[in-house]
Amino acid sequence: MKLNGRFRKTRNVLEKGGRTKHSVVEQAEITRACPKCKHQSLECDLADRIDVCICGHHFRQNARQRIALLADPGTFQELNGEMESRDVLDFPGYMDKLQSAVRSSGEKEAVITGQCEIDGMPVCLFVMEPYFMMGSMGTVVGEKITRMFETATTLRLPVIGYTVSGGARMQEGILSLMQMAKVSGAVKRHSDAGLFYLTVLTDPTTGGVTASFAMDGDIILAEPGALIGFAGQRVIEQTIRKKLPNGFQRAEFLLEHGFVDALAPRDKQRAQIADLLGLHTQGVRA
């Protein structure tokens, strides 16, 4: 095993010549510690287990990994992949953050949208990218998802959506918050056409994304252990002046209280989604 560069301190992503998508891979740690059980897993072993620890903890995956796991090989066609955010409000430091996000994620924005087949059934798909400003919802994110829903409505296709987000992108102010209503409107038109929408909530799904299209699905699945909520626990406790139960924003708690329909372990996700598509779309195949 080559160890060249493994223990060299990486540059800050905002420094000139800082980390890129490729340098992150080259300088990645040989092992990764699980935040739940503290077990050290070899990266190659984690890859074989689809980034799931031996204790069942689901590590985050990037959007391209999820698409590769879900879509039939060779069927994914990206939509509106050229769209990029602009600093329309002249927010201090925003362009630096955008450039850093592009370098660290390898993506132009915090969501990837497209069309693909799952077990031979055609669908429209959006997958949010945790390594692009923690999947924050800006104007481009809202526009790409809206356009994808409009395409799905025109073509009469079901939609599968993977959410991961810290919420609305503060650097875009009210323009970011407006995406909640815009995307939800597109979801409603898709629903009014009698079409199926399934969401998979991953860690974390919070803020304005939770308060809009993440919870608009006809069926809502969640990865085990995913943090799901609107405001943070400390904010809520300080507001209501009450102590909240441990884990009240985790997927298991939300399942118990009816906010999600089922848990979706990563190794069973594709089969679970294909079964639900078959049930709710009469198994229409390409």
Protein backbone atom coordinates (compact mmCIF):
# COMPACT_ATOMS: atom_id res chain seq x y z
CA MET A 1 0.00 0.00 0.00
CA LYS A 2 1.42 3.40 -1.00
CA LEU A 3 1.51 5.87 1.89
CA ASN A 4 3.00 8.84 0.03
CA GLY A 5 1.18 11.97 1.13
CA ARG A 6 -1.14 10.16 3.53
CA PHE A 7 0.09 12.06 6.57
CA ARG A 8 0.76 15.41 4.96
CA LYS A 9 -1.41 18.26 6.25
CA THR A 10 -3.77 19.43 3.52
CA ARG A 11 -4.20 23.05 2.60
CA ASN A 12 -7.28 24.95 3.64
CA VAL A 13 -9.87 24.85 0.85
CA LEU A 14 -9.88 28.66 0.67
CA GLU A 15 -6.12 28.91 0.13
CA LYS A 16 -4.80 29.32 -3.36
CA GLY A 17 -4.27 25.86 -4.79
CA GLY A 18 -6.29 24.32 -1.98
CA ARG A 19 -8.03 20.98 -2.01
CA THR A 20 -9.77 19.69 -5.09
CA LYS A 21 -12.01 16.69 -5.50
CA HIS A 22 -9.00 14.60 -6.57
CA SER A 23 -6.60 15.75 -3.86
CA VAL A 24 -9.21 14.92 -1.22
CA VAL A 25 -9.23 11.34 -2.49
CA GLU A 26 -5.44 11.16 -2.69
CA GLN A 27 -4.99 12.42 0.88
CA ALA A 28 -7.91 10.58 2.42
CA GLU A 29 -7.36 8.77 5.70
CA ILE A 30 -6.70 5.03 5.44
CA THR A 31 -9.41 4.36 8.03
CA ARG A 32 -12.58 6.15 9.08
CA ALA A 33 -13.92 6.24 12.64
CA CYS A 34 -17.61 5.64 13.22
CA PRO A 35 -19.17 8.44 15.31
CA LYS A 36 -21.63 5.96 16.78
CA CYS A 37 -19.52 2.95 17.85
CA LYS A 38 -16.01 4.41 17.35
CA HIS A 39 -14.99 1.41 15.24
CA GLN A 40 -12.16 2.15 12.79
CA SER A 41 -13.07 0.82 9.34
CA LEU A 42 -10.74 0.56 6.37
CA GLU A 43 -11.95 2.75 3.51
CA CYS A 44 -11.94 -0.25 1.17
CA ASP A 45 -14.12 -2.22 3.61
CA LEU A 46 -16.54 0.70 3.91
CA ALA A 47 -16.80 0.90 0.14
CA ASP A 48 -17.71 -2.80 0.05
CA ARG A 49 -20.43 -2.14 2.64
CA ILE A 50 -21.83 0.90 0.75
CA ASP A 51 -20.44 3.27 3.43
CA VAL A 52 -22.28 1.56 6.29
CA CYS A 53 -20.41 0.73 9.51
CA ILE A 54 -20.58 -2.74 11.08
CA CYS A 55 -22.86 -1.20 13.76
CA GLY A 56 -25.30 0.01 11.09
CA HIS A 57 -24.31 3.69 11.11
CA HIS A 58 -24.81 5.20 7.65
CA PHE A 59 -21.97 7.49 6.60
CA ARG A 60 -22.82 10.28 4.19
CA GLN A 61 -22.50 9.64 0.47
CA ASN A 62 -22.13 12.13 -2.32
CA ALA A 63 -24.81 12.53 -4.97
CA ARG A 64 -22.98 10.59 -7.70
CA GLN A 65 -22.53 7.60 -5.38
CA ARG A 66 -26.26 7.52 -4.69
CA ILE A 67 -27.14 7.77 -8.37
CA ALA A 68 -24.78 4.88 -9.16
CA LEU A 69 -26.40 2.81 -6.40
CA LEU A 70 -29.97 3.51 -7.51
CA ALA A 71 -30.10 3.91 -11.30
CA ASP A 72 -29.88 1.07 -13.79
CA PRO A 73 -26.34 1.14 -15.28
CA GLY A 74 -25.96 3.56 -18.17
CA THR A 75 -29.47 5.03 -17.94
CA PHE A 76 -28.90 8.28 -16.02
CA GLN A 77 -29.16 11.44 -18.12
CA GLU A 78 -28.51 14.69 -16.27
CA LEU A 79 -30.81 17.69 -16.68
CA ASN A 80 -29.71 21.34 -16.39
CA GLY A 81 -26.24 20.35 -15.26
CA GLU A 82 -24.78 23.62 -16.54
CA MET A 83 -26.64 25.83 -14.05
CA GLU A 84 -24.51 27.65 -11.45
CA SER A 85 -25.23 30.09 -8.61
CA ARG A 86 -24.39 33.80 -8.80
CA ASP A 87 -23.86 36.30 -6.02
CA VAL A 88 -27.01 38.29 -6.81
CA LEU A 89 -27.07 40.03 -3.39
CA ASP A 90 -23.34 40.86 -3.34
CA PHE A 91 -23.03 38.93 -0.09
CA PRO A 92 -19.51 39.24 1.43
CA GLY A 93 -17.40 36.13 0.83
CA TYR A 94 -20.13 34.23 -1.03
CA MET A 95 -18.14 33.75 -4.24
CA ASP A 96 -15.23 32.31 -2.23
CA LYS A 97 -17.62 29.85 -0.57
CA LEU A 98 -19.06 28.83 -3.93
CA GLN A 99 -15.61 28.26 -5.43
CA SER A 100 -14.59 26.24 -2.37
CA ALA A 101 -17.76 24.15 -2.65
CA VAL A 102 -17.07 23.41 -6.32
CA ARG A 103 -13.52 22.29 -5.48
CA SER A 104 -14.49 20.12 -2.53
CA SER A 105 -17.54 18.47 -4.14
CA GLY A 106 -16.61 18.37 -7.81
CA GLU A 107 -20.14 19.60 -8.61
CA LYS A 108 -21.48 22.91 -9.89
CA GLU A 109 -24.39 23.02 -7.44
CA ALA A 110 -25.93 21.35 -4.40
CA VAL A 111 -28.34 19.13 -6.36
CA ILE A 112 -28.13 16.85 -9.39
CA THR A 113 -31.28 16.26 -11.40
CA GLY A 114 -31.99 13.92 -14.28
CA GLN A 115 -33.85 10.99 -15.76
CA CYS A 116 -33.00 7.31 -15.37
CA GLU A 117 -34.48 3.85 -15.07
CA ILE A 118 -34.84 1.86 -11.86
CA ASP A 119 -35.38 -1.84 -12.47
CA GLY A 120 -36.44 -0.91 -15.99
CA MET A 121 -38.98 1.71 -14.87
CA PRO A 122 -38.38 5.28 -16.12
CA VAL A 123 -38.28 8.01 -13.46
CA CYS A 124 -37.10 11.54 -12.85
CA LEU A 125 -34.57 11.82 -10.05
CA PHE A 126 -32.99 14.52 -7.91
CA VAL A 127 -30.19 13.92 -5.43
CA MET A 128 -28.85 16.63 -3.13
CA GLU A 129 -25.08 16.96 -2.59
CA PRO A 130 -23.88 17.18 1.05
CA TYR A 131 -20.38 18.32 0.09
CA PHE A 132 -21.63 21.45 -1.68
CA MET A 133 -22.35 23.84 1.21
CA MET A 134 -24.12 20.98 3.04
CA GLY A 135 -26.80 20.78 0.37
CA SER A 136 -28.02 24.29 1.15
CA MET A 137 -31.05 25.38 -0.88
CA GLY A 138 -30.34 28.37 -3.09
CA THR A 139 -32.09 29.71 -6.17
CA VAL A 140 -30.36 27.29 -8.53
CA VAL A 141 -31.23 24.29 -6.34
CA GLY A 142 -34.89 25.36 -6.35
CA GLU A 143 -34.89 26.06 -10.07
CA LYS A 144 -33.29 22.74 -11.01
CA ILE A 145 -35.73 20.71 -8.90
CA THR A 146 -38.70 22.74 -10.20
CA ARG A 147 -37.68 22.20 -13.82
CA MET A 148 -37.22 18.48 -13.15
CA PHE A 149 -40.77 18.22 -11.71
CA GLU A 150 -42.12 20.08 -14.74
CA THR A 151 -40.32 17.60 -17.02
CA ALA A 152 -41.72 14.70 -14.99
CA THR A 153 -45.24 16.14 -15.26
CA THR A 154 -44.95 16.62 -19.03
CA LEU A 155 -43.56 13.10 -19.55
CA ARG A 156 -45.87 11.62 -16.89
CA LEU A 157 -43.02 10.12 -14.90
CA PRO A 158 -42.75 9.44 -11.17
CA VAL A 159 -40.13 11.35 -9.15
CA ILE A 160 -37.61 9.98 -6.67
CA GLY A 161 -35.88 12.57 -4.48
CA TYR A 162 -32.91 12.22 -2.09
CA THR A 163 -32.66 15.07 0.39
CA VAL A 164 -29.71 16.20 2.49
CA SER A 165 -29.52 19.82 3.55
CA GLY A 166 -28.70 22.32 6.24
CA GLY A 167 -31.63 24.42 5.00
CA ALA A 168 -32.02 27.62 3.01
CA ARG A 169 -28.81 29.31 1.79
CA MET A 170 -28.49 32.47 3.88
CA GLN A 171 -26.23 34.17 1.32
CA GLU A 172 -29.23 34.42 -1.02
CA GLY A 173 -31.68 35.75 1.57
CA ILE A 174 -35.37 35.81 0.70
CA LEU A 175 -34.60 34.50 -2.81
CA SER A 176 -33.54 31.24 -1.18
CA LEU A 177 -36.65 31.04 1.02
CA MET A 178 -38.85 31.59 -2.04
CA GLN A 179 -37.69 28.21 -3.39
CA MET A 180 -39.76 26.44 -0.72
CA ALA A 181 -43.01 27.69 -2.28
CA LYS A 182 -41.79 27.38 -5.86
CA VAL A 183 -40.74 23.74 -5.59
CA SER A 184 -43.83 22.82 -3.54
CA GLY A 185 -45.99 24.36 -6.28
CA ALA A 186 -44.29 22.18 -8.89
CA VAL A 187 -44.79 19.13 -6.63
CA LYS A 188 -48.52 19.98 -6.34
CA ARG A 189 -48.95 20.21 -10.12
CA HIS A 190 -47.15 16.86 -10.47
CA SER A 191 -49.47 15.37 -7.84
CA ASP A 192 -52.58 16.86 -9.44
CA ALA A 193 -51.60 15.03 -12.63
CA GLY A 194 -51.91 11.77 -10.68
CA LEU A 195 -48.18 11.08 -10.56
CA PHE A 196 -46.11 9.45 -7.83
CA TYR A 197 -43.44 11.18 -5.71
CA LEU A 198 -41.18 9.37 -3.25
CA THR A 199 -38.60 11.02 -0.99
CA VAL A 200 -35.64 9.49 0.83
CA LEU A 201 -34.47 11.64 3.74
CA THR A 202 -30.76 11.31 4.55
CA ASP A 203 -28.53 12.80 7.23
CA PRO A 204 -29.15 15.67 7.76
CA THR A 205 -32.41 16.93 6.27
CA THR A 206 -33.23 20.20 8.03
CA GLY A 207 -34.53 23.75 7.70
CA GLY A 208 -36.48 24.95 4.68
CA VAL A 209 -35.96 21.71 2.76
CA THR A 210 -37.72 19.76 5.52
CA ALA A 211 -40.46 22.40 5.63
CA SER A 212 -41.17 21.98 1.91
CA PHE A 213 -40.39 19.36 -0.72
CA ALA A 214 -38.70 16.80 1.58
CA MET A 215 -42.03 16.21 3.34
CA ASP A 216 -44.22 16.58 0.23
CA GLY A 217 -43.70 12.99 -0.91
CA ASP A 218 -46.55 10.53 -1.30
CA ILE A 219 -44.27 8.09 0.52
CA ILE A 220 -41.44 9.28 2.75
CA LEU A 221 -38.51 6.98 3.50
CA ALA A 222 -35.51 7.75 5.72
CA GLU A 223 -32.08 6.25 6.17
CA PRO A 224 -31.50 4.80 9.66
CA GLY A 225 -30.18 7.36 12.13
CA ALA A 226 -30.75 10.34 9.83
CA LEU A 227 -31.20 13.71 11.53
CA ILE A 228 -34.49 15.21 10.34
CA GLY A 229 -36.04 18.43 11.58
CA PHE A 230 -36.64 22.11 11.05
CA ALA A 231 -34.80 23.94 13.84
CA GLY A 232 -32.00 22.51 15.98
CA GLN A 233 -32.67 20.85 19.34
CA ARG A 234 -31.05 23.64 21.38
CA VAL A 235 -33.06 26.31 19.58
CA ILE A 236 -36.32 24.47 20.25
CA GLU A 237 -35.48 23.83 23.89
CA GLN A 238 -34.57 27.48 24.45
CA THR A 239 -37.81 28.57 22.78
CA ILE A 240 -40.25 26.26 24.59
CA ARG A 241 -38.13 26.07 27.78
CA LYS A 242 -38.49 22.30 27.96
CA LYS A 243 -36.06 19.42 27.70
CA LEU A 244 -36.67 17.27 24.64
CA PRO A 245 -36.15 13.47 24.56
CA ASN A 246 -32.86 12.16 23.21
CA GLY A 247 -33.00 11.31 19.54
CA PHE A 248 -36.30 13.09 18.96
CA GLN A 249 -35.13 14.27 15.53
CA ARG A 250 -33.73 10.94 14.38
CA ALA A 251 -35.38 8.81 11.72
CA GLU A 252 -36.43 6.10 14.16
CA PHE A 253 -38.27 8.59 16.41
CA LEU A 254 -40.01 10.15 13.40
CA LEU A 255 -41.07 6.70 12.17
CA GLU A 256 -42.54 5.89 15.58
CA HIS A 257 -44.53 9.14 15.55
CA GLY A 258 -45.76 8.91 11.95
CA PHE A 259 -43.61 11.54 10.24
CA VAL A 260 -41.93 9.01 7.92
CA ASP A 261 -43.41 5.85 6.44
CA ALA A 262 -40.47 3.45 6.66
CA LEU A 263 -36.74 3.18 7.21
CA ALA A 264 -34.61 2.46 4.14
CA PRO A 265 -31.31 0.73 4.98
CA ARG A 266 -28.86 1.43 2.20
CA ASP A 267 -28.31 -2.19 1.20
CA LYS A 268 -32.06 -2.65 0.67
CA GLN A 269 -32.85 0.80 -0.72
CA ARG A 270 -32.84 0.07 -4.42
CA ALA A 271 -35.09 -2.99 -4.09
CA GLN A 272 -37.40 -1.10 -1.70
CA ILE A 273 -37.78 1.83 -4.11
CA ALA A 274 -38.27 -0.47 -7.11
CA ASP A 275 -41.05 -2.33 -5.26
CA LEU A 276 -42.80 0.93 -4.39
CA LEU A 277 -42.50 2.19 -7.95
CA GLY A 278 -44.02 -1.04 -9.22
CA LEU A 279 -46.95 -0.74 -6.80
CA HIS A 280 -47.70 2.93 -7.48
CA THR A 281 -47.02 3.17 -11.22
CA GLN A 282 -48.41 -0.21 -12.32
CA GLY A 283 -44.82 -1.24 -13.06
CA VAL A 284 -44.69 0.72 -16.34
CA ARG A 285 -41.36 -0.03 -17.98
CA ALA A 286 -39.37 1.76 -20.64
